[in-house]
Every structure is written in C-alpha cells, then in structure tokens.
Amino acid sequence: MTKPSAPRRHLPTSPFNAPSAAPPKHFALGDRVTHDRYGLGRIIGVENGVAMLVDFGSRQARISSPYTHMDKL
C-alpha cells in the first residue's frame, strides 16, 4: 500500500464538513509535559514558538514546533 503524496483537498460540493486544523499547542516555562518517546518532563527553556527545551530527568531534549508528540499534563 502506498502513501498519498499530498493531503486530499476538500471539494466545495462535498456533503461532508471540511477537516479542521488542530489548534496550536501552547506551553509555558515550568509546565509538566509528556512526550511519546522521552516520557515525563518539565519545560526549562522556551524559544518563542520555535522550540522547547525539556528536562526529562536522565536527559534534556530540544523539541521543535509543532510539538505533535508532546502534551501538557
């Protein structure tokens, strides 16, 4: 099975609602987060919507926007 090369576009004549974009995630300094790969952590640095520096205990990682694998606790 092959993956489509581009996302499907919504046709104006379609009886279905257009897919809505997910709202951007906002994190602040000191927030507790969970990451799919690294686990539980705390935000220790913020780079104005570009990336977050997160302390996961055993390591620190710079997580880039759009933060798809990270959620606020």
PDB file of N, CA and C in Angstrom:
ATOM      1  N   MET A   1       0.846  -1.173   0.000  1.00  0.00           N
ATOM      2  CA  MET A   1       0.000   0.000   0.000  1.00  0.00           C
ATOM      3  C   MET A   1       0.893   1.239   0.000  1.00  0.00           C
ATOM      4  N   THR A   2       0.571   2.211  -0.811  1.00  0.00           N
ATOM      5  CA  THR A   2       1.384   3.410  -0.911  1.00  0.00           C
ATOM      6  C   THR A   2       0.721   4.569  -0.185  1.00  0.00           C
ATOM      7  N   LYS A   3       1.549   5.515   0.240  1.00  0.00           N
ATOM      8  CA  LYS A   3       1.040   6.706   0.905  1.00  0.00           C
ATOM      9  C   LYS A   3       0.750   7.772  -0.139  1.00  0.00           C
ATOM     10  N   PRO A   4      -0.304   8.563   0.048  1.00  0.00           N
ATOM     11  CA  PRO A   4      -0.558   9.646  -0.901  1.00  0.00           C
ATOM     12  C   PRO A   4       0.544  10.697  -0.790  1.00  0.00           C
ATOM     13  N   SER A   5       0.907  11.294  -1.907  1.00  0.00           N
ATOM     14  CA  SER A   5       1.995  12.264  -1.902  1.00  0.00           C
ATOM     15  C   SER A   5       1.555  13.620  -1.366  1.00  0.00           C
ATOM     16  N   ALA A   6       0.281  13.913  -1.410  1.00  0.00           N
ATOM     17  CA  ALA A   6      -0.222  15.188  -0.908  1.00  0.00           C
ATOM     18  C   ALA A   6      -1.531  14.931  -0.173  1.00  0.00           C
ATOM     19  N   PRO A   7      -1.851  15.772   0.812  1.00  0.00           N
ATOM     20  CA  PRO A   7      -3.126  15.581   1.511  1.00  0.00           C
ATOM     21  C   PRO A   7      -4.299  15.842   0.559  1.00  0.00           C
ATOM     22  N   ARG A   8      -5.376  15.171   0.821  1.00  0.00           N
ATOM     23  CA  ARG A   8      -6.554  15.345  -0.026  1.00  0.00           C
ATOM     24  C   ARG A   8      -7.187  16.703   0.237  1.00  0.00           C
ATOM     25  N   ARG A   9      -7.614  17.353  -0.815  1.00  0.00           N
ATOM     26  CA  ARG A   9      -8.254  18.649  -0.659  1.00  0.00           C
ATOM     27  C   ARG A   9      -9.760  18.473  -0.525  1.00  0.00           C
ATOM     28  N   HIS A  10     -10.385  19.418   0.112  1.00  0.00           N
ATOM     29  CA  HIS A  10     -11.824  19.381   0.322  1.00  0.00           C
ATOM     30  C   HIS A  10     -12.520  20.010  -0.884  1.00  0.00           C
ATOM     31  N   LEU A  11     -13.458  19.296  -1.455  1.00  0.00           N
ATOM     32  CA  LEU A  11     -14.216  19.827  -2.586  1.00  0.00           C
ATOM     33  C   LEU A  11     -15.399  20.640  -2.078  1.00  0.00           C
ATOM     34  N   PRO A  12     -15.669  21.794  -2.673  1.00  0.00           N
ATOM     35  CA  PRO A  12     -16.773  22.634  -2.202  1.00  0.00           C
ATOM     36  C   PRO A  12     -18.133  21.972  -2.351  1.00  0.00           C
ATOM     37  N   THR A  13     -18.272  20.994  -3.248  1.00  0.00           N
ATOM     38  CA  THR A  13     -19.558  20.318  -3.451  1.00  0.00           C
ATOM     39  C   THR A  13     -19.724  19.091  -2.556  1.00  0.00           C
ATOM     40  N   SER A  14     -18.746  18.823  -1.706  1.00  0.00           N
ATOM     41  CA  SER A  14     -18.796  17.645  -0.846  1.00  0.00           C
ATOM     42  C   SER A  14     -19.861  17.806   0.234  1.00  0.00           C
ATOM     43  N   PRO A  15     -20.619  16.737   0.543  1.00  0.00           N
ATOM     44  CA  PRO A  15     -21.616  16.821   1.610  1.00  0.00           C
ATOM     45  C   PRO A  15     -20.986  16.733   3.007  1.00  0.00           C
ATOM     46  N   PHE A  16     -19.707  16.453   3.099  1.00  0.00           N
ATOM     47  CA  PHE A  16     -19.022  16.320   4.383  1.00  0.00           C
ATOM     48  C   PHE A  16     -18.362  17.631   4.784  1.00  0.00           C
ATOM     49  N   ASN A  17     -18.208  17.853   6.070  1.00  0.00           N
ATOM     50  CA  ASN A  17     -17.545  19.055   6.562  1.00  0.00           C
ATOM     51  C   ASN A  17     -16.058  19.019   6.221  1.00  0.00           C
ATOM     52  N   ALA A  18     -15.499  20.187   6.002  1.00  0.00           N
ATOM     53  CA  ALA A  18     -14.067  20.280   5.728  1.00  0.00           C
ATOM     54  C   ALA A  18     -13.293  19.920   6.997  1.00  0.00           C
ATOM     55  N   PRO A  19     -12.167  19.215   6.864  1.00  0.00           N
ATOM     56  CA  PRO A  19     -11.386  18.882   8.056  1.00  0.00           C
ATOM     57  C   PRO A  19     -10.818  20.156   8.682  1.00  0.00           C
ATOM     58  N   SER A  20     -10.895  20.233   9.983  1.00  0.00           N
ATOM     59  CA  SER A  20     -10.391  21.419  10.669  1.00  0.00           C
ATOM     60  C   SER A  20      -8.962  21.164  11.142  1.00  0.00           C
ATOM     61  N   ALA A  21      -8.163  22.190  11.109  1.00  0.00           N
ATOM     62  CA  ALA A  21      -6.778  22.089  11.573  1.00  0.00           C
ATOM     63  C   ALA A  21      -6.769  22.085  13.101  1.00  0.00           C
ATOM     64  N   ALA A  22      -5.872  21.297  13.664  1.00  0.00           N
ATOM     65  CA  ALA A  22      -5.758  21.240  15.120  1.00  0.00           C
ATOM     66  C   ALA A  22      -5.219  22.570  15.644  1.00  0.00           C
ATOM     67  N   PRO A  23      -5.738  23.053  16.773  1.00  0.00           N
ATOM     68  CA  PRO A  23      -5.229  24.314  17.319  1.00  0.00           C
ATOM     69  C   PRO A  23      -3.769  24.140  17.752  1.00  0.00           C
ATOM     70  N   PRO A  24      -2.958  25.179  17.608  1.00  0.00           N
ATOM     71  CA  PRO A  24      -1.550  25.060  18.004  1.00  0.00           C
ATOM     72  C   PRO A  24      -1.425  24.851  19.510  1.00  0.00           C
ATOM     73  N   LYS A  25      -0.433  24.076  19.895  1.00  0.00           N
ATOM     74  CA  LYS A  25      -0.217  23.801  21.311  1.00  0.00           C
ATOM     75  C   LYS A  25       0.630  24.913  21.921  1.00  0.00           C
ATOM     76  N   HIS A  26       0.248  25.339  23.130  1.00  0.00           N
ATOM     77  CA  HIS A  26       0.973  26.393  23.831  1.00  0.00           C
ATOM     78  C   HIS A  26       1.520  25.835  25.136  1.00  0.00           C
ATOM     79  N   PHE A  27       2.791  26.066  25.358  1.00  0.00           N
ATOM     80  CA  PHE A  27       3.446  25.619  26.576  1.00  0.00           C
ATOM     81  C   PHE A  27       4.146  26.815  27.211  1.00  0.00           C
ATOM     82  N   ALA A  28       4.296  26.775  28.525  1.00  0.00           N
ATOM     83  CA  ALA A  28       4.969  27.849  29.249  1.00  0.00           C
ATOM     84  C   ALA A  28       6.114  27.257  30.067  1.00  0.00           C
ATOM     85  N   LEU A  29       7.001  28.105  30.488  1.00  0.00           N
ATOM     86  CA  LEU A  29       8.132  27.704  31.312  1.00  0.00           C
ATOM     87  C   LEU A  29       7.626  27.058  32.597  1.00  0.00           C
ATOM     88  N   GLY A  30       8.129  25.878  32.909  1.00  0.00           N
ATOM     89  CA  GLY A  30       7.742  25.173  34.124  1.00  0.00           C
ATOM     90  C   GLY A  30       6.602  24.183  33.950  1.00  0.00           C
ATOM     91  N   ASP A  31       5.973  24.142  32.792  1.00  0.00           N
ATOM     92  CA  ASP A  31       4.864  23.201  32.556  1.00  0.00           C
ATOM     93  C   ASP A  31       5.366  21.763  32.581  1.00  0.00           C
ATOM     94  N   ARG A  32       4.562  20.870  33.169  1.00  0.00           N
ATOM     95  CA  ARG A  32       4.848  19.434  33.137  1.00  0.00           C
ATOM     96  C   ARG A  32       4.274  18.892  31.843  1.00  0.00           C
ATOM     97  N   VAL A  33       5.063  18.078  31.129  1.00  0.00           N
ATOM     98  CA  VAL A  33       4.642  17.544  29.842  1.00  0.00           C
ATOM     99  C   VAL A  33       4.953  16.061  29.759  1.00  0.00           C
ATOM    100  N   THR A  34       4.341  15.410  28.790  1.00  0.00           N
ATOM    101  CA  THR A  34       4.672  14.032  28.470  1.00  0.00           C
ATOM    102  C   THR A  34       4.985  13.961  26.983  1.00  0.00           C
ATOM    103  N   HIS A  35       5.999  13.198  26.639  1.00  0.00           N
ATOM    104  CA  HIS A  35       6.426  13.046  25.252  1.00  0.00           C
ATOM    105  C   HIS A  35       6.350  11.571  24.890  1.00  0.00           C
ATOM    106  N   ASP A  36       5.949  11.268  23.667  1.00  0.00           N
ATOM    107  CA  ASP A  36       5.783   9.875  23.240  1.00  0.00           C
ATOM    108  C   ASP A  36       7.081   9.081  23.314  1.00  0.00           C
ATOM    109  N   ARG A  37       8.222   9.695  23.056  1.00  0.00           N
ATOM    110  CA  ARG A  37       9.494   8.984  23.051  1.00  0.00           C
ATOM    111  C   ARG A  37      10.242   9.112  24.386  1.00  0.00           C
ATOM    112  N   TYR A  38      10.256  10.315  24.971  1.00  0.00           N
ATOM    113  CA  TYR A  38      11.086  10.568  26.146  1.00  0.00           C
ATOM    114  C   TYR A  38      10.376  10.406  27.483  1.00  0.00           C
ATOM    115  N   GLY A  39       9.057  10.442  27.520  1.00  0.00           N
ATOM    116  CA  GLY A  39       8.316  10.258  28.766  1.00  0.00           C
ATOM    117  C   GLY A  39       7.962  11.579  29.431  1.00  0.00           C
ATOM    118  N   LEU A  40       7.968  11.576  30.776  1.00  0.00           N
ATOM    119  CA  LEU A  40       7.573  12.751  31.554  1.00  0.00           C
ATOM    120  C   LEU A  40       8.723  13.736  31.662  1.00  0.00           C
ATOM    121  N   GLY A  41       8.373  15.038  31.618  1.00  0.00           N
ATOM    122  CA  GLY A  41       9.405  16.058  31.725  1.00  0.00           C
ATOM    123  C   GLY A  41       8.836  17.390  32.140  1.00  0.00           C
ATOM    124  N   ARG A  42       9.741  18.378  32.276  1.00  0.00           N
ATOM    125  CA  ARG A  42       9.362  19.743  32.646  1.00  0.00           C
ATOM    126  C   ARG A  42      10.058  20.703  31.690  1.00  0.00           C
ATOM    127  N   ILE A  43       9.325  21.708  31.212  1.00  0.00           N
ATOM    128  CA  ILE A  43       9.885  22.682  30.287  1.00  0.00           C
ATOM    129  C   ILE A  43      10.810  23.623  31.050  1.00  0.00           C
ATOM    130  N   ILE A  44      12.062  23.712  30.585  1.00  0.00           N
ATOM    131  CA  ILE A  44      13.047  24.566  31.255  1.00  0.00           C
ATOM    132  C   ILE A  44      13.529  25.696  30.348  1.00  0.00           C
ATOM    133  N   GLY A  45      13.111  25.695  29.087  1.00  0.00           N
ATOM    134  CA  GLY A  45      13.503  26.760  28.173  1.00  0.00           C
ATOM    135  C   GLY A  45      12.498  26.914  27.054  1.00  0.00           C
ATOM    136  N   VAL A  46      12.272  28.167  26.621  1.00  0.00           N
ATOM    137  CA  VAL A  46      11.302  28.455  25.577  1.00  0.00           C
ATOM    138  C   VAL A  46      11.981  29.310  24.507  1.00  0.00           C
ATOM    139  N   GLU A  47      11.810  28.920  23.239  1.00  0.00           N
ATOM    140  CA  GLU A  47      12.338  29.689  22.116  1.00  0.00           C
ATOM    141  C   GLU A  47      11.186  30.210  21.263  1.00  0.00           C
ATOM    142  N   ASN A  48      10.440  31.169  21.731  1.00  0.00           N
ATOM    143  CA  ASN A  48       9.354  31.866  21.036  1.00  0.00           C
ATOM    144  C   ASN A  48       8.694  31.125  19.885  1.00  0.00           C
ATOM    145  N   GLY A  49       8.006  30.042  20.168  1.00  0.00           N
ATOM    146  CA  GLY A  49       7.240  29.317  19.172  1.00  0.00           C
ATOM    147  C   GLY A  49       8.049  28.449  18.228  1.00  0.00           C
ATOM    148  N   VAL A  50       9.361  28.390  18.419  1.00  0.00           N
ATOM    149  CA  VAL A  50      10.215  27.600  17.538  1.00  0.00           C
ATOM    150  C   VAL A  50      10.529  26.244  18.154  1.00  0.00           C
ATOM    151  N   ALA A  51      10.879  26.239  19.433  1.00  0.00           N
ATOM    152  CA  ALA A  51      11.262  25.001  20.107  1.00  0.00           C
ATOM    153  C   ALA A  51      11.155  25.169  21.621  1.00  0.00           C
ATOM    154  N   MET A  52      11.170  24.034  22.319  1.00  0.00           N
ATOM    155  CA  MET A  52      11.162  23.994  23.777  1.00  0.00           C
ATOM    156  C   MET A  52      12.334  23.142  24.246  1.00  0.00           C
ATOM    157  N   LEU A  53      12.979  23.560  25.318  1.00  0.00           N
ATOM    158  CA  LEU A  53      13.997  22.742  25.955  1.00  0.00           C
ATOM    159  C   LEU A  53      13.327  22.064  27.139  1.00  0.00           C
ATOM    160  N   VAL A  54      13.340  20.735  27.135  1.00  0.00           N
ATOM    161  CA  VAL A  54      12.606  19.962  28.130  1.00  0.00           C
ATOM    162  C   VAL A  54      13.578  19.068  28.887  1.00  0.00           C
ATOM    163  N   ASP A  55      13.449  19.071  30.225  1.00  0.00           N
ATOM    164  CA  ASP A  55      14.256  18.209  31.093  1.00  0.00           C
ATOM    165  C   ASP A  55      13.438  16.964  31.399  1.00  0.00           C
ATOM    166  N   PHE A  56      13.953  15.806  30.938  1.00  0.00           N
ATOM    167  CA  PHE A  56      13.270  14.541  31.160  1.00  0.00           C
ATOM    168  C   PHE A  56      13.923  13.727  32.265  1.00  0.00           C
ATOM    169  N   GLY A  57      14.688  14.360  33.133  1.00  0.00           N
ATOM    170  CA  GLY A  57      15.341  13.657  34.235  1.00  0.00           C
ATOM    171  C   GLY A  57      16.699  13.133  33.827  1.00  0.00           C
ATOM    172  N   SER A  58      16.751  12.089  33.029  1.00  0.00           N
ATOM    173  CA  SER A  58      18.012  11.493  32.616  1.00  0.00           C
ATOM    174  C   SER A  58      18.642  12.235  31.445  1.00  0.00           C
ATOM    175  N   ARG A  59      17.873  13.078  30.765  1.00  0.00           N
ATOM    176  CA  ARG A  59      18.398  13.818  29.627  1.00  0.00           C
ATOM    177  C   ARG A  59      17.585  15.069  29.379  1.00  0.00           C
ATOM    178  N   GLN A  60      18.158  15.994  28.628  1.00  0.00           N
ATOM    179  CA  GLN A  60      17.444  17.179  28.181  1.00  0.00           C
ATOM    180  C   GLN A  60      17.315  17.094  26.668  1.00  0.00           C
ATOM    181  N   ALA A  61      16.170  17.532  26.151  1.00  0.00           N
ATOM    182  CA  ALA A  61      15.935  17.465  24.713  1.00  0.00           C
ATOM    183  C   ALA A  61      15.311  18.768  24.236  1.00  0.00           C
ATOM    184  N   ARG A  62      15.693  19.166  23.023  1.00  0.00           N
ATOM    185  CA  ARG A  62      15.100  20.333  22.373  1.00  0.00           C
ATOM    186  C   ARG A  62      14.017  19.805  21.434  1.00  0.00           C
ATOM    187  N   ILE A  63      12.766  20.130  21.732  1.00  0.00           N
ATOM    188  CA  ILE A  63      11.615  19.655  20.965  1.00  0.00           C
ATOM    189  C   ILE A  63      11.150  20.798  20.068  1.00  0.00           C
ATOM    190  N   SER A  64      11.122  20.557  18.758  1.00  0.00           N
ATOM    191  CA  SER A  64      10.744  21.586  17.793  1.00  0.00           C
ATOM    192  C   SER A  64       9.231  21.663  17.615  1.00  0.00           C
ATOM    193  N   SER A  65       8.775  22.836  17.201  1.00  0.00           N
ATOM    194  CA  SER A  65       7.373  23.046  16.882  1.00  0.00           C
ATOM    195  C   SER A  65       7.017  22.194  15.679  1.00  0.00           C
ATOM    196  N   PRO A  66       5.867  21.612  15.557  1.00  0.00           N
ATOM    197  CA  PRO A  66       4.558  21.865  16.133  1.00  0.00           C
ATOM    198  C   PRO A  66       4.224  20.994  17.343  1.00  0.00           C
ATOM    199  N   TYR A  67       5.200  20.350  17.960  1.00  0.00           N
ATOM    200  CA  TYR A  67       5.017  19.594  19.211  1.00  0.00           C
ATOM    201  C   TYR A  67       3.960  18.492  19.076  1.00  0.00           C
ATOM    202  N   THR A  68       3.970  17.753  17.981  1.00  0.00           N
ATOM    203  CA  THR A  68       2.943  16.734  17.739  1.00  0.00           C
ATOM    204  C   THR A  68       3.018  15.567  18.707  1.00  0.00           C
ATOM    205  N   HIS A  69       4.191  15.272  19.247  1.00  0.00           N
ATOM    206  CA  HIS A  69       4.349  14.120  20.138  1.00  0.00           C
ATOM    207  C   HIS A  69       4.400  14.531  21.605  1.00  0.00           C
ATOM    208  N   MET A  70       4.093  15.798  21.921  1.00  0.00           N
ATOM    209  CA  MET A  70       4.184  16.276  23.298  1.00  0.00           C
ATOM    210  C   MET A  70       2.835  16.853  23.731  1.00  0.00           C
ATOM    211  N   ASP A  71       2.440  16.520  24.959  1.00  0.00           N
ATOM    212  CA  ASP A  71       1.185  17.001  25.521  1.00  0.00           C
ATOM    213  C   ASP A  71       1.416  17.546  26.914  1.00  0.00           C
ATOM    214  N   LYS A  72       0.622  18.563  27.275  1.00  0.00           N
ATOM    215  CA  LYS A  72       0.689  19.170  28.612  1.00  0.00           C
ATOM    216  C   LYS A  72      -0.079  18.296  29.603  1.00  0.00           C
ATOM    217  N   LEU A  73       0.446  18.151  30.807  1.00  0.00           N
ATOM    218  CA  LEU A  73      -0.251  17.380  31.844  1.00  0.00           C
ATOM    219  C   LEU A  73      -1.109  18.282  32.685  1.00  0.00           C
TER     220      LEU A  73
END
